[in-house]
Amino acid sequence: MISVVLLSIFVILLISIYKFGSNPIRPSVLFSSGMLMMALIAFTLRKEWKLDIMQSDTVFLLIGGSIVAFLTDYYVSKKNALKIAEKPTYRKMSAFRLMIILIIQFFVVVLYLIEYFRNAGVVMMLQSFGEVNESIKNDDISIYIPWYINFPFHVFQGMGYIWAIMVPLNYLIIKPEKKIRILILLNYILALIGSFSSGGRMPILNYITPLVFFYLLFSRSQNSKLQIRKYLRVGLLAFLFLYFFSELGTLMGRTERTESAFEIVAEYCGAEIKNLDDFVKHTPRLKTNHIADYTLHSIYDWLNSRFGTTPSAYDHKTIYPFSSINGYHLGNVYTCYANYYADFGLFGLIFVVIAIGISCLFYNKICKSDLLSSGIPNMWCFLFATSIARLFLCFFHEQFYAFNLENWIRNMIVIYFILAFVYKSWNLNYFKKY
């Protein structure tokens, strides 16, 4: 059955690419690309993971999700596309002010890491970010970061999504002086380094994903023909990233593992299908406190922390235990569909419709904006960049609805002031509705 799933998602993705003119940042293309990559790796291990026979509900979710994603994208966004302006008037950034932002971000990241490990203790400092975060979750230790460090750190982490757009935009389209391009790239790299504090590999992809897809978009925006060489270059870099995926964990301080690099990659991208199939087959009795308690657990928990409302009944470790089969570690991630299925069964695909619809709204706003005529990102760019990462990584676990609304709004506002400082202007059309 995994072969049917793989072939079906591949055909749906081909149709999407054809209908949307090879546009790599269409929401449904992003969503199905991640699903296809997962299905392809799962297919290579179909015998070891016993995927030749799957639950009908699992197959329906995997294929139906990509179908409804495409249909939603097609009817909401239709043929909107981001195009180069005929007579662009790019606003110039201040290299000096970019340097100031870089220096501030550097010190904020350093101070954050110092405070992080100062609270954890000397012994924990010699261990990994992952182990420290695990100890925090288990209440073994508590980490307190002063607000004057924590606040700017998370703002700069939010700014990482803007840098992810500005790097390809300035290197491929605007092409300002070399000093400015380097400063933008260094700011982006610092955001990547800051994401290491999460203790996991996946948060890094939140910044890499929009960078890659906007690179593909901008690299073909001046030429409608598919530039095979650049796609192959991205493919090669993606392969190298996956190959060194396990070494990345060691670099972050995690325990070195004996499995091959491919087996570790398969655990993070591929095993989710087997886990989902087991979850569908043996769906536990789930306690709920709200409607859509598992999909919207982050929102309910945020409301609980702010207003004392009833928290969600969601407990990832209890619902999604670590699993293995025939000596292969499968991890404890089950794709986005597990939460949707836990809430509404097969009707949980409505959450795919909503996620794609919201992302299409952001995408349509960018297409109508002056991003490629002024070169200045706006709030729609920030919102869409965060959506890109969440949509593409839906193959891993549910991320689109797992966000902190308060942090989202705060970062979106503060980023405006950072851009105003860099461009030396308050008139950026940042909040324009279009």
Protein backbone atom coordinates (compact mmCIF):
# COMPACT_ATOMS: atom_id res chain seq x y z
CA MET A 1 0.00 0.00 0.00
CA ILE A 2 2.90 2.37 0.59
CA SER A 3 3.59 2.21 -3.16
CA VAL A 4 0.02 3.42 -3.82
CA VAL A 5 0.50 6.27 -1.33
CA LEU A 6 3.84 7.26 -2.87
CA LEU A 7 2.54 7.18 -6.45
CA SER A 8 -0.65 9.08 -5.56
CA ILE A 9 1.16 11.90 -3.73
CA PHE A 10 3.69 12.10 -6.58
CA VAL A 11 0.91 12.49 -9.18
CA ILE A 12 -0.91 15.07 -7.06
CA LEU A 13 2.31 17.05 -6.65
CA LEU A 14 2.99 16.92 -10.40
CA ILE A 15 -0.52 18.24 -11.08
CA SER A 16 0.03 21.01 -8.53
CA ILE A 17 3.35 22.02 -10.08
CA TYR A 18 1.80 22.03 -13.55
CA LYS A 19 -1.28 24.02 -12.55
CA PHE A 20 0.72 26.56 -10.56
CA GLY A 21 3.44 27.13 -13.16
CA SER A 22 6.24 25.39 -11.24
CA ASN A 23 5.80 27.86 -8.37
CA PRO A 24 7.70 26.27 -5.44
CA ILE A 25 6.06 28.33 -2.68
CA ARG A 26 2.43 27.51 -3.36
CA PRO A 27 1.05 26.20 -0.04
CA SER A 28 -0.14 22.87 -1.46
CA VAL A 29 3.21 22.29 -3.18
CA LEU A 30 5.02 22.88 0.09
CA PHE A 31 2.67 20.57 1.98
CA SER A 32 2.82 17.70 -0.52
CA SER A 33 6.58 18.03 -1.06
CA GLY A 34 7.23 17.13 2.55
CA MET A 35 4.73 14.28 2.39
CA LEU A 36 6.32 12.93 -0.80
CA MET A 37 9.80 12.98 0.71
CA MET A 38 8.52 11.07 3.75
CA ALA A 39 6.65 8.52 1.60
CA LEU A 40 9.70 7.95 -0.60
CA ILE A 41 11.97 7.11 2.34
CA ALA A 42 9.26 4.93 3.91
CA PHE A 43 8.93 3.09 0.58
CA THR A 44 12.62 2.14 0.62
CA LEU A 45 12.08 0.44 4.00
CA ARG A 46 8.62 -0.96 3.30
CA LYS A 47 9.61 -4.58 3.98
CA GLU A 48 11.49 -3.84 7.20
CA TRP A 49 8.63 -1.65 8.45
CA LYS A 50 5.86 -3.93 7.12
CA LEU A 51 4.20 -1.21 5.06
CA ASP A 52 3.01 -3.39 2.19
CA ILE A 53 -0.26 -3.64 4.13
CA MET A 54 -1.65 -0.48 5.74
CA GLN A 55 -4.87 0.59 7.38
CA SER A 56 -7.39 2.03 4.92
CA ASP A 57 -7.84 5.11 7.11
CA THR A 58 -4.09 5.77 6.99
CA VAL A 59 -4.06 5.59 3.20
CA PHE A 60 -7.13 7.85 3.03
CA LEU A 61 -5.49 10.45 5.28
CA LEU A 62 -2.19 10.51 3.38
CA ILE A 63 -3.70 10.69 -0.11
CA GLY A 64 -6.79 12.69 0.83
CA GLY A 65 -4.69 15.29 2.64
CA SER A 66 -2.70 16.12 -0.49
CA ILE A 67 -5.86 16.19 -2.60
CA VAL A 68 -7.72 18.63 -0.35
CA ALA A 69 -4.54 20.73 -0.04
CA PHE A 70 -4.35 21.08 -3.82
CA LEU A 71 -8.06 21.82 -4.24
CA THR A 72 -8.03 24.43 -1.48
CA ASP A 73 -4.95 26.12 -2.93
CA TYR A 74 -6.39 26.06 -6.44
CA TYR A 75 -9.71 27.67 -5.52
CA VAL A 76 -8.37 30.16 -2.97
CA SER A 77 -5.22 31.45 -4.71
CA LYS A 78 -5.92 30.42 -8.33
CA LYS A 79 -3.19 31.92 -10.54
CA ASN A 80 -1.70 34.52 -8.21
CA ALA A 81 2.07 34.72 -8.58
CA LEU A 82 4.91 36.86 -7.28
CA LYS A 83 6.38 38.81 -10.20
CA ILE A 84 9.35 41.11 -10.70
CA ALA A 85 8.37 44.77 -11.08
CA GLU A 86 9.17 46.31 -14.48
CA LYS A 87 10.66 49.44 -12.90
CA PRO A 88 11.64 48.56 -9.33
CA THR A 89 12.76 51.28 -6.93
CA TYR A 90 14.58 49.31 -4.28
CA ARG A 91 14.97 51.01 -0.93
CA LYS A 92 18.55 51.05 0.29
CA MET A 93 19.52 49.57 3.64
CA SER A 94 22.11 51.12 5.92
CA ALA A 95 25.18 48.89 6.15
CA PHE A 96 26.17 50.61 9.39
CA ARG A 97 22.78 49.92 10.98
CA LEU A 98 22.82 46.34 9.75
CA MET A 99 26.16 45.99 11.52
CA ILE A 100 24.61 47.37 14.72
CA ILE A 101 21.78 44.81 14.51
CA LEU A 102 24.35 42.05 13.92
CA ILE A 103 26.40 43.09 16.97
CA ILE A 104 23.31 43.35 19.20
CA GLN A 105 22.04 39.96 18.03
CA PHE A 106 25.47 38.41 18.65
CA PHE A 107 25.61 39.63 22.24
CA VAL A 108 21.99 38.64 22.87
CA VAL A 109 22.65 35.08 21.68
CA VAL A 110 25.85 34.84 23.75
CA LEU A 111 24.15 36.22 26.89
CA TYR A 112 21.19 33.88 26.39
CA LEU A 113 23.45 30.82 26.18
CA ILE A 114 25.46 31.97 29.21
CA GLU A 115 22.30 32.36 31.30
CA TYR A 116 20.93 29.12 29.93
CA PHE A 117 23.86 27.05 31.13
CA ARG A 118 24.43 29.09 34.28
CA ASN A 119 20.97 27.99 35.44
CA ALA A 120 21.57 24.42 34.30
CA GLY A 121 24.81 24.09 36.22
CA VAL A 122 28.35 23.14 35.28
CA VAL A 123 27.55 19.45 34.91
CA MET A 124 24.68 20.10 32.50
CA MET A 125 26.89 22.51 30.58
CA LEU A 126 28.98 19.54 29.53
CA GLN A 127 25.88 17.77 28.24
CA SER A 128 23.70 18.55 25.28
CA PHE A 129 21.02 21.15 24.71
CA GLY A 130 18.72 18.19 24.16
CA GLU A 131 19.44 16.72 27.58
CA VAL A 132 19.05 20.08 29.28
CA ASN A 133 15.68 20.65 27.60
CA GLU A 134 14.61 17.12 28.49
CA SER A 135 15.51 17.80 32.13
CA ILE A 136 13.45 20.98 31.99
CA LYS A 137 10.43 19.08 30.66
CA ASN A 138 10.78 16.48 33.42
CA ASP A 139 11.04 19.24 36.05
CA ASP A 140 14.53 18.02 37.03
CA ILE A 141 15.89 21.53 36.61
CA SER A 142 14.38 24.94 35.96
CA ILE A 143 15.80 27.56 33.66
CA TYR A 144 15.25 31.25 34.29
CA ILE A 145 16.34 33.72 31.63
CA PRO A 146 16.01 37.42 32.57
CA TRP A 147 13.34 39.15 30.50
CA TYR A 148 15.82 41.69 29.12
CA ILE A 149 17.70 38.79 27.49
CA ASN A 150 14.80 36.43 26.78
CA PHE A 151 12.67 39.06 25.03
CA PRO A 152 15.23 40.26 22.44
CA PHE A 153 16.46 36.69 21.91
CA HIS A 154 13.03 35.47 20.80
CA VAL A 155 12.48 38.63 18.74
CA PHE A 156 15.70 37.92 16.84
CA GLN A 157 14.57 34.32 16.44
CA GLY A 158 11.39 35.66 14.83
CA MET A 159 13.51 37.97 12.69
CA GLY A 160 15.23 34.84 11.38
CA TYR A 161 12.23 34.25 9.09
CA ILE A 162 12.71 37.71 7.57
CA TRP A 163 16.43 37.10 7.06
CA ALA A 164 15.51 33.80 5.36
CA ILE A 165 13.64 35.82 2.71
CA MET A 166 16.12 38.69 2.53
CA VAL A 167 19.14 36.46 1.83
CA PRO A 168 17.90 35.09 -1.53
CA LEU A 169 16.07 38.34 -2.31
CA ASN A 170 19.25 40.41 -2.02
CA TYR A 171 21.61 37.86 -3.56
CA LEU A 172 19.41 37.06 -6.58
CA ILE A 173 17.12 40.05 -7.21
CA ILE A 174 18.22 43.32 -5.60
CA LYS A 175 21.99 42.67 -5.57
CA PRO A 176 23.11 45.57 -3.36
CA GLU A 177 26.75 46.16 -2.45
CA LYS A 178 28.62 43.10 -1.20
CA LYS A 179 28.93 44.45 2.36
CA ILE A 180 25.14 44.57 2.79
CA ARG A 181 24.65 41.06 1.41
CA ILE A 182 27.26 39.65 3.78
CA LEU A 183 25.72 41.41 6.79
CA ILE A 184 22.27 40.03 5.93
CA LEU A 185 23.73 36.53 5.62
CA LEU A 186 25.57 36.83 8.95
CA ASN A 187 22.37 37.94 10.70
CA TYR A 188 20.62 34.89 9.26
CA ILE A 189 23.41 32.57 10.43
CA LEU A 190 23.16 33.99 13.96
CA ALA A 191 19.44 33.19 13.98
CA LEU A 192 20.33 29.62 12.98
CA ILE A 193 22.86 29.38 15.81
CA GLY A 194 20.26 30.66 18.27
CA SER A 195 17.87 27.90 17.23
CA PHE A 196 20.39 25.33 18.55
CA SER A 197 19.17 26.16 22.06
CA SER A 198 16.01 24.18 21.29
CA GLY A 199 18.08 21.00 21.63
CA GLY A 200 16.58 19.49 18.48
CA ARG A 201 17.41 19.34 14.80
CA MET A 202 13.95 20.19 13.45
CA PRO A 203 13.77 23.87 14.64
CA ILE A 204 16.79 24.58 12.44
CA LEU A 205 14.67 23.53 9.45
CA ASN A 206 12.17 26.26 10.35
CA TYR A 207 14.75 28.75 9.04
CA ILE A 208 16.29 26.63 6.30
CA THR A 209 12.94 25.76 4.66
CA PRO A 210 11.81 29.31 3.74
CA LEU A 211 15.36 30.16 2.61
CA VAL A 212 15.43 27.21 0.19
CA PHE A 213 11.95 27.71 -1.24
CA PHE A 214 12.34 31.47 -1.71
CA TYR A 215 15.72 30.81 -3.33
CA LEU A 216 13.99 28.53 -5.82
CA LEU A 217 11.28 31.13 -6.41
CA PHE A 218 13.62 34.10 -6.92
CA SER A 219 16.04 32.07 -9.03
CA ARG A 220 13.31 31.53 -11.63
CA SER A 221 11.33 34.76 -11.22
CA GLN A 222 13.25 36.52 -13.98
CA ASN A 223 13.11 33.49 -16.23
CA SER A 224 9.94 31.43 -16.47
CA LYS A 225 11.89 28.38 -17.65
CA LEU A 226 12.83 25.84 -15.02
CA GLN A 227 16.49 26.29 -14.12
CA ILE A 228 17.55 22.69 -13.70
CA ARG A 229 21.07 23.51 -12.58
CA LYS A 230 19.89 25.47 -9.55
CA TYR A 231 17.35 22.79 -8.62
CA LEU A 232 20.09 20.17 -8.81
CA ARG A 233 22.30 22.37 -6.65
CA VAL A 234 19.59 22.61 -4.01
CA GLY A 235 19.02 18.87 -4.27
CA LEU A 236 22.72 18.19 -3.71
CA LEU A 237 22.82 20.50 -0.67
CA ALA A 238 19.69 18.80 0.70
CA PHE A 239 21.34 15.40 0.24
CA LEU A 240 24.48 16.55 2.07
CA PHE A 241 22.36 18.00 4.88
CA LEU A 242 20.49 14.71 5.27
CA TYR A 243 23.74 12.73 5.13
CA PHE A 244 25.26 14.77 7.96
CA PHE A 245 21.98 14.86 9.88
CA SER A 246 23.31 12.53 12.58
CA GLU A 247 26.56 14.52 12.88
CA LEU A 248 24.45 17.63 13.43
CA GLY A 249 22.98 15.96 16.51
CA THR A 250 26.48 15.16 17.80
CA LEU A 251 27.50 18.77 17.17
CA MET A 252 24.57 19.88 19.31
CA GLY A 253 25.82 17.61 22.08
CA ARG A 254 23.50 14.64 21.67
CA THR A 255 24.74 11.13 22.34
CA GLU A 256 26.46 9.64 19.30
CA ARG A 257 24.41 6.86 17.77
CA THR A 258 25.55 3.64 16.09
CA GLU A 259 22.90 3.56 13.33
CA SER A 260 23.77 4.57 9.80
CA ALA A 261 23.10 8.10 8.65
CA PHE A 262 20.25 6.85 6.46
CA GLU A 263 18.55 5.06 9.36
CA ILE A 264 18.65 8.23 11.45
CA VAL A 265 17.25 10.26 8.55
CA ALA A 266 14.53 7.65 8.06
CA GLU A 267 13.54 8.00 11.72
CA TYR A 268 13.01 11.73 11.24
CA CYS A 269 11.54 11.51 7.75
CA GLY A 270 9.75 8.30 6.87
CA ALA A 271 9.01 6.55 10.15
CA GLU A 272 6.08 8.90 10.72
CA ILE A 273 4.01 6.89 8.23
CA LYS A 274 4.55 3.65 10.15
CA ASN A 275 3.81 5.40 13.44
CA LEU A 276 0.64 6.92 12.01
CA ASP A 277 -0.50 3.54 10.72
CA ASP A 278 0.03 1.99 14.17
CA PHE A 279 -1.83 4.88 15.79
CA VAL A 280 -4.79 4.46 13.43
CA LYS A 281 -4.80 0.72 14.03
CA HIS A 282 -4.61 1.01 17.83
CA THR A 283 -6.13 4.42 18.53
CA PRO A 284 -6.15 4.80 22.33
CA ARG A 285 -9.08 6.14 24.30
CA LEU A 286 -8.38 9.82 24.45
CA LYS A 287 -9.54 12.18 27.15
CA THR A 288 -10.53 15.62 25.87
CA ASN A 289 -11.32 18.91 27.60
CA HIS A 290 -12.20 20.96 24.51
CA ILE A 291 -13.22 20.69 20.89
CA ALA A 292 -10.16 19.80 18.77
CA ASP A 293 -8.20 19.40 21.98
CA TYR A 294 -5.20 17.73 20.35
CA THR A 295 -4.84 19.84 17.23
CA LEU A 296 -5.31 23.14 19.09
CA HIS A 297 -3.56 22.14 22.32
CA SER A 298 -1.04 24.99 22.12
CA ILE A 299 -3.81 27.57 21.96
CA TYR A 300 -5.72 26.03 24.87
CA ASP A 301 -2.55 25.81 26.98
CA TRP A 302 -1.69 29.44 26.20
CA LEU A 303 -5.18 30.52 27.27
CA ASN A 304 -4.70 28.51 30.47
CA SER A 305 -1.39 30.24 31.24
CA ARG A 306 -2.83 33.70 30.63
CA PHE A 307 -6.43 33.49 31.79
CA GLY A 308 -6.63 30.37 33.92
CA THR A 309 -8.94 28.46 31.59
CA THR A 310 -8.98 24.67 31.45
CA PRO A 311 -5.80 23.37 29.78
CA SER A 312 -5.84 20.80 27.01
CA ALA A 313 -5.67 17.10 27.82
CA TYR A 314 -2.82 16.70 25.32
CA ASP A 315 0.21 14.75 26.57
CA HIS A 316 2.59 13.87 23.74
CA LYS A 317 4.55 11.21 25.63
CA THR A 318 1.41 9.34 26.68
CA ILE A 319 -0.42 9.52 23.35
CA TYR A 320 2.59 9.09 21.07
CA PRO A 321 5.13 6.75 22.68
CA PHE A 322 8.51 5.90 21.17
CA SER A 323 8.31 2.85 18.95
CA SER A 324 10.53 0.50 16.99
CA ILE A 325 10.25 -2.41 14.56
CA ASN A 326 12.79 -5.03 13.51
CA GLY A 327 15.59 -3.13 15.21
CA TYR A 328 14.71 0.21 13.58
CA HIS A 329 14.02 3.19 15.85
CA LEU A 330 10.84 4.96 14.71
CA GLY A 331 10.82 7.81 17.20
CA ASN A 332 7.64 9.32 18.60
CA VAL A 333 6.36 11.55 15.79
CA TYR A 334 3.26 10.60 13.82
CA THR A 335 2.69 13.30 11.12
CA CYS A 336 0.17 16.11 11.44
CA TYR A 337 -2.63 13.67 10.63
CA ALA A 338 -2.40 11.89 14.01
CA ASN A 339 -3.71 14.94 15.89
CA TYR A 340 -6.37 15.57 13.26
CA TYR A 341 -7.46 11.93 13.39
CA ALA A 342 -7.49 11.95 17.20
CA ASP A 343 -9.91 14.90 17.17
CA PHE A 344 -12.27 14.16 14.29
CA GLY A 345 -11.25 10.90 12.62
CA LEU A 346 -11.19 11.14 8.81
CA PHE A 347 -13.07 14.43 9.02
CA GLY A 348 -9.91 15.81 10.61
CA LEU A 349 -8.75 16.62 7.08
CA ILE A 350 -10.71 19.84 7.56
CA PHE A 351 -7.63 21.11 9.43
CA VAL A 352 -5.61 20.69 6.22
CA VAL A 353 -8.18 22.83 4.40
CA ILE A 354 -7.96 25.53 7.09
CA ALA A 355 -4.14 25.50 7.18
CA ILE A 356 -3.82 25.74 3.39
CA GLY A 357 -6.54 28.41 3.28
CA ILE A 358 -4.77 30.59 5.86
CA SER A 359 -1.43 30.14 4.07
CA CYS A 360 -3.09 31.08 0.76
CA LEU A 361 -4.31 34.29 2.38
CA PHE A 362 -0.75 35.20 3.36
CA TYR A 363 0.52 34.18 -0.08
CA ASN A 364 -2.08 36.30 -1.89
CA LYS A 365 -1.12 39.31 0.21
CA ILE A 366 2.56 38.90 -0.71
CA CYS A 367 1.67 38.65 -4.41
CA LYS A 368 -0.20 41.98 -4.15
CA SER A 369 2.51 43.65 -2.05
CA ASP A 370 5.47 45.71 -3.22
CA LEU A 371 8.07 43.19 -2.03
CA LEU A 372 9.75 42.90 -5.44
CA SER A 373 9.42 46.59 -6.28
CA SER A 374 10.70 48.07 -3.02
CA GLY A 375 12.67 45.09 -1.72
CA ILE A 376 11.23 45.55 1.79
CA PRO A 377 9.60 42.56 3.53
CA ASN A 378 6.29 43.23 5.26
CA MET A 379 4.24 41.48 7.94
CA TRP A 380 2.72 39.18 5.31
CA CYS A 381 6.23 37.97 4.48
CA PHE A 382 6.81 37.15 8.13
CA LEU A 383 3.49 35.34 8.44
CA PHE A 384 3.99 33.39 5.23
CA ALA A 385 7.61 32.47 6.03
CA THR A 386 6.48 30.92 9.32
CA SER A 387 3.70 29.11 7.42
CA ILE A 388 6.17 27.71 4.87
CA ALA A 389 8.15 25.94 7.57
CA ARG A 390 5.03 24.66 9.32
CA LEU A 391 3.43 23.36 6.12
CA PHE A 392 6.51 21.61 4.80
CA LEU A 393 7.25 19.97 8.16
CA CYS A 394 3.70 18.67 8.59
CA PHE A 395 5.11 15.29 7.57
CA PHE A 396 7.01 15.31 10.88
CA HIS A 397 4.26 16.26 13.32
CA GLU A 398 1.50 18.84 13.69
CA GLN A 399 3.14 22.26 13.67
CA PHE A 400 0.80 24.63 11.89
CA TYR A 401 -1.52 25.10 14.86
CA ALA A 402 1.22 24.67 17.48
CA PHE A 403 2.24 28.29 17.93
CA ASN A 404 2.24 30.92 20.65
CA LEU A 405 -0.11 33.67 19.48
CA GLU A 406 1.31 36.20 21.90
CA ASN A 407 4.90 35.68 20.71
CA TRP A 408 3.75 35.70 17.09
CA ILE A 409 2.08 39.12 17.39
CA ARG A 410 4.87 40.58 19.51
CA ASN A 411 7.61 39.50 17.09
CA MET A 412 5.63 40.74 14.10
CA ILE A 413 5.39 44.22 15.64
CA VAL A 414 8.97 44.49 16.91
CA ILE A 415 10.32 43.32 13.54
CA TYR A 416 8.74 46.42 12.00
CA PHE A 417 10.89 48.64 14.24
CA ILE A 418 14.02 46.66 13.32
CA LEU A 419 13.29 47.09 9.61
CA ALA A 420 12.47 50.78 10.10
CA PHE A 421 15.85 51.20 11.81
CA VAL A 422 17.71 49.37 9.02
CA TYR A 423 15.95 51.24 6.19
CA LYS A 424 16.00 54.57 8.07
CA SER A 425 12.31 55.11 7.38
CA TRP A 426 8.97 54.59 9.11
CA ASN A 427 7.11 54.48 5.79
CA LEU A 428 7.59 50.83 4.83
CA ASN A 429 4.02 49.71 4.04
CA TYR A 430 4.75 46.98 6.58
CA PHE A 431 1.20 46.76 7.96
CA LYS A 432 -0.56 47.52 4.69
CA LYS A 433 -3.61 45.28 4.09
CA TYR A 434 -3.33 45.11 0.29
